[in-house]
């Protein structure tokens, strides 16, 4: 996670031009979460 890595990959890897490509649902620097966190879990 953080600005230099992803977190929680989704989907499948694909092979394109000899390299593997994919996506992560979290990670990076944008702001997407606008809900409440459970009381028993403190997010990083």
ModelCIF file with pLDDT and N, C-alpha, C, O atoms, coordinates in Angstrom:
data_MODEL
#
_entry.id   MODEL 
#
_entity.id                         1 
_entity.type                       polymer 
_entity.pdbx_number_of_molecules   1 
#
_entity_poly.entity_id                      1 
_entity_poly.type                           'polypeptide(L)' 
_entity_poly.nstd_linkage                   no 
_entity_poly.nstd_monomer                   no 
_entity_poly.pdbx_seq_one_letter_code       
;(UNK)(UNK)(UNK)(UNK)(UNK)(UNK)(UNK)(UNK)(UNK)(UNK)(UNK)(UNK)(UNK)(UNK)(UNK)(UNK)
(UNK)(UNK)(UNK)(UNK)(UNK)(UNK)(UNK)(UNK)(UNK)(UNK)(UNK)(UNK)(UNK)(UNK)(UNK)(UNK)
(UNK)(UNK)(UNK)(UNK)(UNK)(UNK)(UNK)(UNK)(UNK)(UNK)(UNK)(UNK)
;
_entity_poly.pdbx_seq_one_letter_code_can   XXXXXXXXXXXXXXXXXXXXXXXXXXXXXXXXXXXXXXXXXXXX 
_entity_poly.pdbx_strand_id                 A 
#
loop_
_entity_poly_seq.entity_id 
_entity_poly_seq.num 
_entity_poly_seq.mon_id 
_entity_poly_seq.hetero 
1 1  UNK n 
1 2  UNK n 
1 3  UNK n 
1 4  UNK n 
1 5  UNK n 
1 6  UNK n 
1 7  UNK n 
1 8  UNK n 
1 9  UNK n 
1 10 UNK n 
1 11 UNK n 
1 12 UNK n 
1 13 UNK n 
1 14 UNK n 
1 15 UNK n 
1 16 UNK n 
1 17 UNK n 
1 18 UNK n 
1 19 UNK n 
1 20 UNK n 
1 21 UNK n 
1 22 UNK n 
1 23 UNK n 
1 24 UNK n 
1 25 UNK n 
1 26 UNK n 
1 27 UNK n 
1 28 UNK n 
1 29 UNK n 
1 30 UNK n 
1 31 UNK n 
1 32 UNK n 
1 33 UNK n 
1 34 UNK n 
1 35 UNK n 
1 36 UNK n 
1 37 UNK n 
1 38 UNK n 
1 39 UNK n 
1 40 UNK n 
1 41 UNK n 
1 42 UNK n 
1 43 UNK n 
1 44 UNK n 
#
_struct_asym.id          A 
_struct_asym.entity_id   1 
#
loop_
_ma_qa_metric.id 
_ma_qa_metric.mode 
_ma_qa_metric.name 
_ma_qa_metric.software_group_id 
_ma_qa_metric.type 
1 global pLDDT . pLDDT 
2 local  pLDDT . pLDDT 
#
_ma_qa_metric_global.metric_id      1 
_ma_qa_metric_global.metric_value   79.98 
_ma_qa_metric_global.model_id       1 
_ma_qa_metric_global.ordinal_id     1 
#
loop_
_ma_qa_metric_local.label_asym_id 
_ma_qa_metric_local.label_comp_id 
_ma_qa_metric_local.label_seq_id 
_ma_qa_metric_local.metric_id 
_ma_qa_metric_local.metric_value 
_ma_qa_metric_local.model_id 
_ma_qa_metric_local.ordinal_id 
A UNK 1  2 88.00 1 1  
A UNK 2  2 83.00 1 2  
A UNK 3  2 85.00 1 3  
A UNK 4  2 89.00 1 4  
A UNK 5  2 92.00 1 5  
A UNK 6  2 92.00 1 6  
A UNK 7  2 91.00 1 7  
A UNK 8  2 90.00 1 8  
A UNK 9  2 93.00 1 9  
A UNK 10 2 90.00 1 10 
A UNK 11 2 91.00 1 11 
A UNK 12 2 95.00 1 12 
A UNK 13 2 96.00 1 13 
A UNK 14 2 96.00 1 14 
A UNK 15 2 96.00 1 15 
A UNK 16 2 95.00 1 16 
A UNK 17 2 93.00 1 17 
A UNK 18 2 94.00 1 18 
A UNK 19 2 97.00 1 19 
A UNK 20 2 97.00 1 20 
A UNK 21 2 98.00 1 21 
A UNK 22 2 97.00 1 22 
A UNK 23 2 96.00 1 23 
A UNK 24 2 94.00 1 24 
A UNK 25 2 91.00 1 25 
A UNK 26 2 90.00 1 26 
A UNK 27 2 88.00 1 27 
A UNK 28 2 84.00 1 28 
A UNK 29 2 80.00 1 29 
A UNK 30 2 75.00 1 30 
A UNK 31 2 74.00 1 31 
A UNK 32 2 74.00 1 32 
A UNK 33 2 62.00 1 33 
A UNK 34 2 53.00 1 34 
A UNK 35 2 52.00 1 35 
A UNK 36 2 49.00 1 36 
A UNK 37 2 48.00 1 37 
A UNK 38 2 49.00 1 38 
A UNK 39 2 51.00 1 39 
A UNK 40 2 48.00 1 40 
A UNK 41 2 50.00 1 41 
A UNK 42 2 57.00 1 42 
A UNK 43 2 56.00 1 43 
A UNK 44 2 60.00 1 44 
#
loop_
_atom_site.group_PDB 
_atom_site.id 
_atom_site.type_symbol 
_atom_site.label_atom_id 
_atom_site.label_alt_id 
_atom_site.label_comp_id 
_atom_site.label_asym_id 
_atom_site.label_entity_id 
_atom_site.label_seq_id 
_atom_site.pdbx_PDB_ins_code 
_atom_site.Cartn_x 
_atom_site.Cartn_y 
_atom_site.Cartn_z 
_atom_site.occupancy 
_atom_site.B_iso_or_equiv 
_atom_site.pdbx_formal_charge 
_atom_site.auth_seq_id 
_atom_site.auth_comp_id 
_atom_site.auth_asym_id 
_atom_site.auth_atom_id 
_atom_site.pdbx_PDB_model_num 
ATOM 1   N N  . UNK A 1 1  ? 0.802   -1.216  0.000   1.00 88.00 ? 1  UNK A N  1 
ATOM 2   C CA . UNK A 1 1  ? 0.000   0.000   0.000   1.00 88.00 ? 1  UNK A CA 1 
ATOM 3   C C  . UNK A 1 1  ? 0.832   1.261   0.000   1.00 88.00 ? 1  UNK A C  1 
ATOM 4   O O  . UNK A 1 1  ? 2.056   1.210   -0.117  1.00 88.00 ? 1  UNK A O  1 
ATOM 5   N N  . UNK A 1 2  ? 0.164   2.397   0.131   1.00 83.00 ? 2  UNK A N  1 
ATOM 6   C CA . UNK A 1 2  ? 0.853   3.675   0.129   1.00 83.00 ? 2  UNK A CA 1 
ATOM 7   C C  . UNK A 1 2  ? 1.017   4.230   -1.273  1.00 83.00 ? 2  UNK A C  1 
ATOM 8   O O  . UNK A 1 2  ? 0.499   3.679   -2.244  1.00 83.00 ? 2  UNK A O  1 
ATOM 9   N N  . UNK A 1 3  ? 1.740   5.322   -1.357  1.00 85.00 ? 3  UNK A N  1 
ATOM 10  C CA . UNK A 1 3  ? 1.888   6.017   -2.630  1.00 85.00 ? 3  UNK A CA 1 
ATOM 11  C C  . UNK A 1 3  ? 2.754   5.268   -3.630  1.00 85.00 ? 3  UNK A C  1 
ATOM 12  O O  . UNK A 1 3  ? 2.721   5.577   -4.821  1.00 85.00 ? 3  UNK A O  1 
ATOM 13  N N  . UNK A 1 4  ? 3.530   4.285   -3.169  1.00 89.00 ? 4  UNK A N  1 
ATOM 14  C CA . UNK A 1 4  ? 4.445   3.597   -4.071  1.00 89.00 ? 4  UNK A CA 1 
ATOM 15  C C  . UNK A 1 4  ? 4.060   2.152   -4.328  1.00 89.00 ? 4  UNK A C  1 
ATOM 16  O O  . UNK A 1 4  ? 4.837   1.403   -4.920  1.00 89.00 ? 4  UNK A O  1 
ATOM 17  N N  . UNK A 1 5  ? 2.863   1.744   -3.887  1.00 92.00 ? 5  UNK A N  1 
ATOM 18  C CA . UNK A 1 5  ? 2.459   0.361   -4.094  1.00 92.00 ? 5  UNK A CA 1 
ATOM 19  C C  . UNK A 1 5  ? 0.944   0.250   -4.064  1.00 92.00 ? 5  UNK A C  1 
ATOM 20  O O  . UNK A 1 5  ? 0.249   1.128   -3.552  1.00 92.00 ? 5  UNK A O  1 
ATOM 21  N N  . UNK A 1 6  ? 0.450   -0.838  -4.618  1.00 92.00 ? 6  UNK A N  1 
ATOM 22  C CA . UNK A 1 6  ? -0.967  -1.138  -4.545  1.00 92.00 ? 6  UNK A CA 1 
ATOM 23  C C  . UNK A 1 6  ? -1.286  -1.939  -3.292  1.00 92.00 ? 6  UNK A C  1 
ATOM 24  O O  . UNK A 1 6  ? -0.410  -2.215  -2.473  1.00 92.00 ? 6  UNK A O  1 
ATOM 25  N N  . UNK A 1 7  ? -2.572  -2.313  -3.155  1.00 91.00 ? 7  UNK A N  1 
ATOM 26  C CA . UNK A 1 7  ? -3.035  -3.078  -2.008  1.00 91.00 ? 7  UNK A CA 1 
ATOM 27  C C  . UNK A 1 7  ? -4.344  -3.744  -2.406  1.00 91.00 ? 7  UNK A C  1 
ATOM 28  O O  . UNK A 1 7  ? -5.212  -3.104  -3.000  1.00 91.00 ? 7  UNK A O  1 
ATOM 29  N N  . UNK A 1 8  ? -4.491  -5.040  -2.078  1.00 90.00 ? 8  UNK A N  1 
ATOM 30  C CA . UNK A 1 8  ? -5.727  -5.769  -2.369  1.00 90.00 ? 8  UNK A CA 1 
ATOM 31  C C  . UNK A 1 8  ? -5.954  -5.911  -3.880  1.00 90.00 ? 8  UNK A C  1 
ATOM 32  O O  . UNK A 1 8  ? -6.858  -5.278  -4.424  1.00 90.00 ? 8  UNK A O  1 
ATOM 33  N N  . UNK A 1 9  ? -5.149  -6.731  -4.561  1.00 93.00 ? 9  UNK A N  1 
ATOM 34  C CA . UNK A 1 9  ? -5.323  -6.910  -6.011  1.00 93.00 ? 9  UNK A CA 1 
ATOM 35  C C  . UNK A 1 9  ? -6.649  -7.581  -6.342  1.00 93.00 ? 9  UNK A C  1 
ATOM 36  O O  . UNK A 1 9  ? -7.124  -8.440  -5.598  1.00 93.00 ? 9  UNK A O  1 
ATOM 37  N N  . UNK A 1 10 ? -7.239  -7.187  -7.457  1.00 90.00 ? 10 UNK A N  1 
ATOM 38  C CA . UNK A 1 10 ? -8.493  -7.753  -7.941  1.00 90.00 ? 10 UNK A CA 1 
ATOM 39  C C  . UNK A 1 10 ? -8.312  -8.209  -9.384  1.00 90.00 ? 10 UNK A C  1 
ATOM 40  O O  . UNK A 1 10 ? -7.428  -7.740  -10.101 1.00 90.00 ? 10 UNK A O  1 
ATOM 41  N N  . UNK A 1 11 ? -9.171  -9.130  -9.783  1.00 91.00 ? 11 UNK A N  1 
ATOM 42  C CA . UNK A 1 11 ? -9.108  -9.623  -11.144 1.00 91.00 ? 11 UNK A CA 1 
ATOM 43  C C  . UNK A 1 11 ? -7.953  -10.583 -11.347 1.00 91.00 ? 11 UNK A C  1 
ATOM 44  O O  . UNK A 1 11 ? -7.357  -11.074 -10.389 1.00 91.00 ? 11 UNK A O  1 
ATOM 45  N N  . UNK A 1 12 ? -7.647  -10.843 -12.609 1.00 95.00 ? 12 UNK A N  1 
ATOM 46  C CA . UNK A 1 12 ? -6.585  -11.771 -12.982 1.00 95.00 ? 12 UNK A CA 1 
ATOM 47  C C  . UNK A 1 12 ? -5.415  -11.016 -13.595 1.00 95.00 ? 12 UNK A C  1 
ATOM 48  O O  . UNK A 1 12 ? -5.576  -9.914  -14.119 1.00 95.00 ? 12 UNK A O  1 
ATOM 49  N N  . UNK A 1 13 ? -4.249  -11.617 -13.525 1.00 96.00 ? 13 UNK A N  1 
ATOM 50  C CA . UNK A 1 13 ? -3.103  -11.107 -14.258 1.00 96.00 ? 13 UNK A CA 1 
ATOM 51  C C  . UNK A 1 13 ? -3.283  -11.404 -15.743 1.00 96.00 ? 13 UNK A C  1 
ATOM 52  O O  . UNK A 1 13 ? -3.887  -12.414 -16.105 1.00 96.00 ? 13 UNK A O  1 
ATOM 53  N N  . UNK A 1 14 ? -2.767  -10.534 -16.599 1.00 96.00 ? 14 UNK A N  1 
ATOM 54  C CA . UNK A 1 14 ? -2.733  -10.815 -18.027 1.00 96.00 ? 14 UNK A CA 1 
ATOM 55  C C  . UNK A 1 14 ? -1.301  -10.697 -18.511 1.00 96.00 ? 14 UNK A C  1 
ATOM 56  O O  . UNK A 1 14 ? -0.519  -9.916  -17.969 1.00 96.00 ? 14 UNK A O  1 
ATOM 57  N N  . UNK A 1 15 ? -0.958  -11.464 -19.521 1.00 96.00 ? 15 UNK A N  1 
ATOM 58  C CA . UNK A 1 15 ? 0.375   -11.446 -20.130 1.00 96.00 ? 15 UNK A CA 1 
ATOM 59  C C  . UNK A 1 15 ? 0.277   -10.604 -21.396 1.00 96.00 ? 15 UNK A C  1 
ATOM 60  O O  . UNK A 1 15 ? -0.497  -10.918 -22.300 1.00 96.00 ? 15 UNK A O  1 
ATOM 61  N N  . UNK A 1 16 ? 1.058   -9.546  -21.456 1.00 95.00 ? 16 UNK A N  1 
ATOM 62  C CA . UNK A 1 16 ? 1.031   -8.653  -22.607 1.00 95.00 ? 16 UNK A CA 1 
ATOM 63  C C  . UNK A 1 16 ? 2.451   -8.224  -22.916 1.00 95.00 ? 16 UNK A C  1 
ATOM 64  O O  . UNK A 1 16 ? 3.086   -7.540  -22.113 1.00 95.00 ? 16 UNK A O  1 
ATOM 65  N N  . UNK A 1 17 ? 2.951   -8.618  -24.070 1.00 93.00 ? 17 UNK A N  1 
ATOM 66  C CA . UNK A 1 17 ? 4.299   -8.252  -24.470 1.00 93.00 ? 17 UNK A CA 1 
ATOM 67  C C  . UNK A 1 17 ? 5.374   -8.820  -23.576 1.00 93.00 ? 17 UNK A C  1 
ATOM 68  O O  . UNK A 1 17 ? 6.438   -8.216  -23.440 1.00 93.00 ? 17 UNK A O  1 
ATOM 69  N N  . UNK A 1 18 ? 5.128   -9.974  -22.957 1.00 94.00 ? 18 UNK A N  1 
ATOM 70  C CA . UNK A 1 18 ? 6.129   -10.614 -22.104 1.00 94.00 ? 18 UNK A CA 1 
ATOM 71  C C  . UNK A 1 18 ? 6.142   -10.123 -20.675 1.00 94.00 ? 18 UNK A C  1 
ATOM 72  O O  . UNK A 1 18 ? 6.972   -10.571 -19.884 1.00 94.00 ? 18 UNK A O  1 
ATOM 73  N N  . UNK A 1 19 ? 5.238   -9.204  -20.315 1.00 97.00 ? 19 UNK A N  1 
ATOM 74  C CA . UNK A 1 19 ? 5.123   -8.734  -18.943 1.00 97.00 ? 19 UNK A CA 1 
ATOM 75  C C  . UNK A 1 19 ? 3.720   -9.023  -18.410 1.00 97.00 ? 19 UNK A C  1 
ATOM 76  O O  . UNK A 1 19 ? 2.783   -9.228  -19.181 1.00 97.00 ? 19 UNK A O  1 
ATOM 77  N N  . UNK A 1 20 ? 3.588   -9.038  -17.089 1.00 97.00 ? 20 UNK A N  1 
ATOM 78  C CA . UNK A 1 20 ? 2.312   -9.285  -16.445 1.00 97.00 ? 20 UNK A CA 1 
ATOM 79  C C  . UNK A 1 20 ? 1.717   -7.959  -15.990 1.00 97.00 ? 20 UNK A C  1 
ATOM 80  O O  . UNK A 1 20 ? 2.416   -7.104  -15.447 1.00 97.00 ? 20 UNK A O  1 
ATOM 81  N N  . UNK A 1 21 ? 0.408   -7.798  -16.221 1.00 98.00 ? 21 UNK A N  1 
ATOM 82  C CA . UNK A 1 21 ? -0.296  -6.573  -15.859 1.00 98.00 ? 21 UNK A CA 1 
ATOM 83  C C  . UNK A 1 21 ? -1.502  -6.908  -14.989 1.00 98.00 ? 21 UNK A C  1 
ATOM 84  O O  . UNK A 1 21 ? -2.100  -7.974  -15.128 1.00 98.00 ? 21 UNK A O  1 
ATOM 85  N N  . UNK A 1 22 ? -1.857  -5.982  -14.084 1.00 97.00 ? 22 UNK A N  1 
ATOM 86  C CA . UNK A 1 22 ? -3.012  -6.188  -13.228 1.00 97.00 ? 22 UNK A CA 1 
ATOM 87  C C  . UNK A 1 22 ? -3.430  -4.904  -12.548 1.00 97.00 ? 22 UNK A C  1 
ATOM 88  O O  . UNK A 1 22 ? -2.853  -3.844  -12.791 1.00 97.00 ? 22 UNK A O  1 
ATOM 89  N N  . UNK A 1 23 ? -4.447  -5.004  -11.683 1.00 96.00 ? 23 UNK A N  1 
ATOM 90  C CA . UNK A 1 23 ? -4.956  -3.852  -10.953 1.00 96.00 ? 23 UNK A CA 1 
ATOM 91  C C  . UNK A 1 23 ? -5.093  -4.181  -9.474  1.00 96.00 ? 23 UNK A C  1 
ATOM 92  O O  . UNK A 1 23 ? -5.239  -5.345  -9.101  1.00 96.00 ? 23 UNK A O  1 
ATOM 93  N N  . UNK A 1 24 ? -5.045  -3.167  -8.643  1.00 94.00 ? 24 UNK A N  1 
ATOM 94  C CA . UNK A 1 24 ? -5.343  -3.322  -7.223  1.00 94.00 ? 24 UNK A CA 1 
ATOM 95  C C  . UNK A 1 24 ? -6.527  -2.421  -6.872  1.00 94.00 ? 24 UNK A C  1 
ATOM 96  O O  . UNK A 1 24 ? -6.670  -1.328  -7.419  1.00 94.00 ? 24 UNK A O  1 
ATOM 97  N N  . UNK A 1 25 ? -7.355  -2.882  -5.975  1.00 91.00 ? 25 UNK A N  1 
ATOM 98  C CA . UNK A 1 25 ? -8.545  -2.144  -5.574  1.00 91.00 ? 25 UNK A CA 1 
ATOM 99  C C  . UNK A 1 25 ? -8.201  -0.953  -4.688  1.00 91.00 ? 25 UNK A C  1 
ATOM 100 O O  . UNK A 1 25 ? -8.891  0.067   -4.706  1.00 91.00 ? 25 UNK A O  1 
ATOM 101 N N  . UNK A 1 26 ? -7.129  -1.092  -3.915  1.00 90.00 ? 26 UNK A N  1 
ATOM 102 C CA . UNK A 1 26 ? -6.657  -0.042  -3.017  1.00 90.00 ? 26 UNK A CA 1 
ATOM 103 C C  . UNK A 1 26 ? -5.205  0.288   -3.336  1.00 90.00 ? 26 UNK A C  1 
ATOM 104 O O  . UNK A 1 26 ? -4.624  -0.275  -4.263  1.00 90.00 ? 26 UNK A O  1 
ATOM 105 N N  . UNK A 1 27 ? -4.624  1.201   -2.567  1.00 88.00 ? 27 UNK A N  1 
ATOM 106 C CA . UNK A 1 27 ? -3.262  1.646   -2.802  1.00 88.00 ? 27 UNK A CA 1 
ATOM 107 C C  . UNK A 1 27 ? -3.248  2.925   -3.625  1.00 88.00 ? 27 UNK A C  1 
ATOM 108 O O  . UNK A 1 27 ? -4.267  3.317   -4.193  1.00 88.00 ? 27 UNK A O  1 
ATOM 109 N N  . UNK A 1 28 ? -2.109  3.562   -3.687  1.00 84.00 ? 28 UNK A N  1 
ATOM 110 C CA . UNK A 1 28 ? -2.002  4.811   -4.414  1.00 84.00 ? 28 UNK A CA 1 
ATOM 111 C C  . UNK A 1 28 ? -2.241  6.008   -3.507  1.00 84.00 ? 28 UNK A C  1 
ATOM 112 O O  . UNK A 1 28 ? -2.009  5.937   -2.300  1.00 84.00 ? 28 UNK A O  1 
ATOM 113 N N  . UNK A 1 29 ? -2.703  7.104   -4.090  1.00 80.00 ? 29 UNK A N  1 
ATOM 114 C CA . UNK A 1 29 ? -2.783  8.360   -3.342  1.00 80.00 ? 29 UNK A CA 1 
ATOM 115 C C  . UNK A 1 29 ? -4.142  9.037   -3.385  1.00 80.00 ? 29 UNK A C  1 
ATOM 116 O O  . UNK A 1 29 ? -4.335  10.035  -2.691  1.00 80.00 ? 29 UNK A O  1 
ATOM 117 N N  . UNK A 1 30 ? -5.094  8.541   -4.168  1.00 75.00 ? 30 UNK A N  1 
ATOM 118 C CA . UNK A 1 30 ? -6.394  9.198   -4.270  1.00 75.00 ? 30 UNK A CA 1 
ATOM 119 C C  . UNK A 1 30 ? -7.244  8.962   -3.030  1.00 75.00 ? 30 UNK A C  1 
ATOM 120 O O  . UNK A 1 30 ? -6.843  8.228   -2.126  1.00 75.00 ? 30 UNK A O  1 
ATOM 121 N N  . UNK A 1 31 ? -8.421  9.587   -2.989  1.00 74.00 ? 31 UNK A N  1 
ATOM 122 C CA . UNK A 1 31 ? -9.334  9.430   -1.855  1.00 74.00 ? 31 UNK A CA 1 
ATOM 123 C C  . UNK A 1 31 ? -10.633 8.820   -2.362  1.00 74.00 ? 31 UNK A C  1 
ATOM 124 O O  . UNK A 1 31 ? -11.352 9.439   -3.147  1.00 74.00 ? 31 UNK A O  1 
ATOM 125 N N  . UNK A 1 32 ? -10.933 7.600   -1.909  1.00 74.00 ? 32 UNK A N  1 
ATOM 126 C CA . UNK A 1 32 ? -12.133 6.924   -2.385  1.00 74.00 ? 32 UNK A CA 1 
ATOM 127 C C  . UNK A 1 32 ? -13.047 6.440   -1.275  1.00 74.00 ? 32 UNK A C  1 
ATOM 128 O O  . UNK A 1 32 ? -14.228 6.201   -1.527  1.00 74.00 ? 32 UNK A O  1 
ATOM 129 N N  . UNK A 1 33 ? -12.552 6.288   -0.069  1.00 62.00 ? 33 UNK A N  1 
ATOM 130 C CA . UNK A 1 33 ? -13.362 5.706   0.993   1.00 62.00 ? 33 UNK A CA 1 
ATOM 131 C C  . UNK A 1 33 ? -14.074 6.800   1.770   1.00 62.00 ? 33 UNK A C  1 
ATOM 132 O O  . UNK A 1 33 ? -13.437 7.724   2.277   1.00 62.00 ? 33 UNK A O  1 
ATOM 133 N N  . UNK A 1 34 ? -15.409 6.695   1.866   1.00 53.00 ? 34 UNK A N  1 
ATOM 134 C CA . UNK A 1 34 ? -16.172 7.716   2.576   1.00 53.00 ? 34 UNK A CA 1 
ATOM 135 C C  . UNK A 1 34 ? -17.142 7.118   3.591   1.00 53.00 ? 34 UNK A C  1 
ATOM 136 O O  . UNK A 1 34 ? -18.115 7.766   3.979   1.00 53.00 ? 34 UNK A O  1 
ATOM 137 N N  . UNK A 1 35 ? -16.881 5.881   4.023   1.00 52.00 ? 35 UNK A N  1 
ATOM 138 C CA . UNK A 1 35 ? -17.745 5.219   4.996   1.00 52.00 ? 35 UNK A CA 1 
ATOM 139 C C  . UNK A 1 35 ? -17.116 5.189   6.376   1.00 52.00 ? 35 UNK A C  1 
ATOM 140 O O  . UNK A 1 35 ? -16.049 5.760   6.603   1.00 52.00 ? 35 UNK A O  1 
ATOM 141 N N  . UNK A 1 36 ? -17.793 4.515   7.293   1.00 49.00 ? 36 UNK A N  1 
ATOM 142 C CA . UNK A 1 36 ? -17.302 4.396   8.667   1.00 49.00 ? 36 UNK A CA 1 
ATOM 143 C C  . UNK A 1 36 ? -16.582 3.069   8.846   1.00 49.00 ? 36 UNK A C  1 
ATOM 144 O O  . UNK A 1 36 ? -16.976 2.062   8.257   1.00 49.00 ? 36 UNK A O  1 
ATOM 145 N N  . UNK A 1 37 ? -15.529 3.065   9.654   1.00 48.00 ? 37 UNK A N  1 
ATOM 146 C CA . UNK A 1 37 ? -14.787 1.847   9.933   1.00 48.00 ? 37 UNK A CA 1 
ATOM 147 C C  . UNK A 1 37 ? -15.381 1.132   11.136  1.00 48.00 ? 37 UNK A C  1 
ATOM 148 O O  . UNK A 1 37 ? -15.888 1.781   12.051  1.00 48.00 ? 37 UNK A O  1 
ATOM 149 N N  . UNK A 1 38 ? -15.327 -0.209  11.147  1.00 49.00 ? 38 UNK A N  1 
ATOM 150 C CA . UNK A 1 38 ? -15.778 -0.944  12.326  1.00 49.00 ? 38 UNK A CA 1 
ATOM 151 C C  . UNK A 1 38 ? -14.984 -0.539  13.563  1.00 49.00 ? 38 UNK A C  1 
ATOM 152 O O  . UNK A 1 38 ? -13.802 -0.209  13.472  1.00 49.00 ? 38 UNK A O  1 
ATOM 153 N N  . UNK A 1 39 ? -15.643 -0.568  14.718  1.00 51.00 ? 39 UNK A N  1 
ATOM 154 C CA . UNK A 1 39 ? -14.989 -0.132  15.955  1.00 51.00 ? 39 UNK A CA 1 
ATOM 155 C C  . UNK A 1 39 ? -13.764 -0.972  16.295  1.00 51.00 ? 39 UNK A C  1 
ATOM 156 O O  . UNK A 1 39 ? -12.818 -0.473  16.905  1.00 51.00 ? 39 UNK A O  1 
ATOM 157 N N  . UNK A 1 40 ? -13.778 -2.245  15.904  1.00 48.00 ? 40 UNK A N  1 
ATOM 158 C CA . UNK A 1 40 ? -12.695 -3.147  16.285  1.00 48.00 ? 40 UNK A CA 1 
ATOM 159 C C  . UNK A 1 40 ? -11.554 -3.153  15.295  1.00 48.00 ? 40 UNK A C  1 
ATOM 160 O O  . UNK A 1 40 ? -10.613 -3.930  15.454  1.00 48.00 ? 40 UNK A O  1 
ATOM 161 N N  . UNK A 1 41 ? -11.607 -2.306  14.266  1.00 50.00 ? 41 UNK A N  1 
ATOM 162 C CA . UNK A 1 41 ? -10.543 -2.307  13.260  1.00 50.00 ? 41 UNK A CA 1 
ATOM 163 C C  . UNK A 1 41 ? -10.066 -0.886  13.012  1.00 50.00 ? 41 UNK A C  1 
ATOM 164 O O  . UNK A 1 41 ? -10.857 0.000   12.693  1.00 50.00 ? 41 UNK A O  1 
ATOM 165 N N  . UNK A 1 42 ? -8.781  -0.683  13.161  1.00 57.00 ? 42 UNK A N  1 
ATOM 166 C CA . UNK A 1 42 ? -8.182  0.623   12.869  1.00 57.00 ? 42 UNK A CA 1 
ATOM 167 C C  . UNK A 1 42 ? -7.394  0.502   11.575  1.00 57.00 ? 42 UNK A C  1 
ATOM 168 O O  . UNK A 1 42 ? -6.402  -0.225  11.532  1.00 57.00 ? 42 UNK A O  1 
ATOM 169 N N  . UNK A 1 43 ? -7.806  1.194   10.523  1.00 56.00 ? 43 UNK A N  1 
ATOM 170 C CA . UNK A 1 43 ? -7.113  1.040   9.242   1.00 56.00 ? 43 UNK A CA 1 
ATOM 171 C C  . UNK A 1 43 ? -5.713  1.635   9.293   1.00 56.00 ? 43 UNK A C  1 
ATOM 172 O O  . UNK A 1 43 ? -5.458  2.550   10.077  1.00 56.00 ? 43 UNK A O  1 
ATOM 173 N N  . UNK A 1 44 ? -4.803  1.128   8.467   1.00 60.00 ? 44 UNK A N  1 
ATOM 174 C CA . UNK A 1 44 ? -3.479  1.753   8.382   1.00 60.00 ? 44 UNK A CA 1 
ATOM 175 C C  . UNK A 1 44 ? -3.618  3.174   7.866   1.00 60.00 ? 44 UNK A C  1 
ATOM 176 O O  . UNK A 1 44 ? -2.619  3.879   7.721   1.00 60.00 ? 44 UNK A O  1 
#
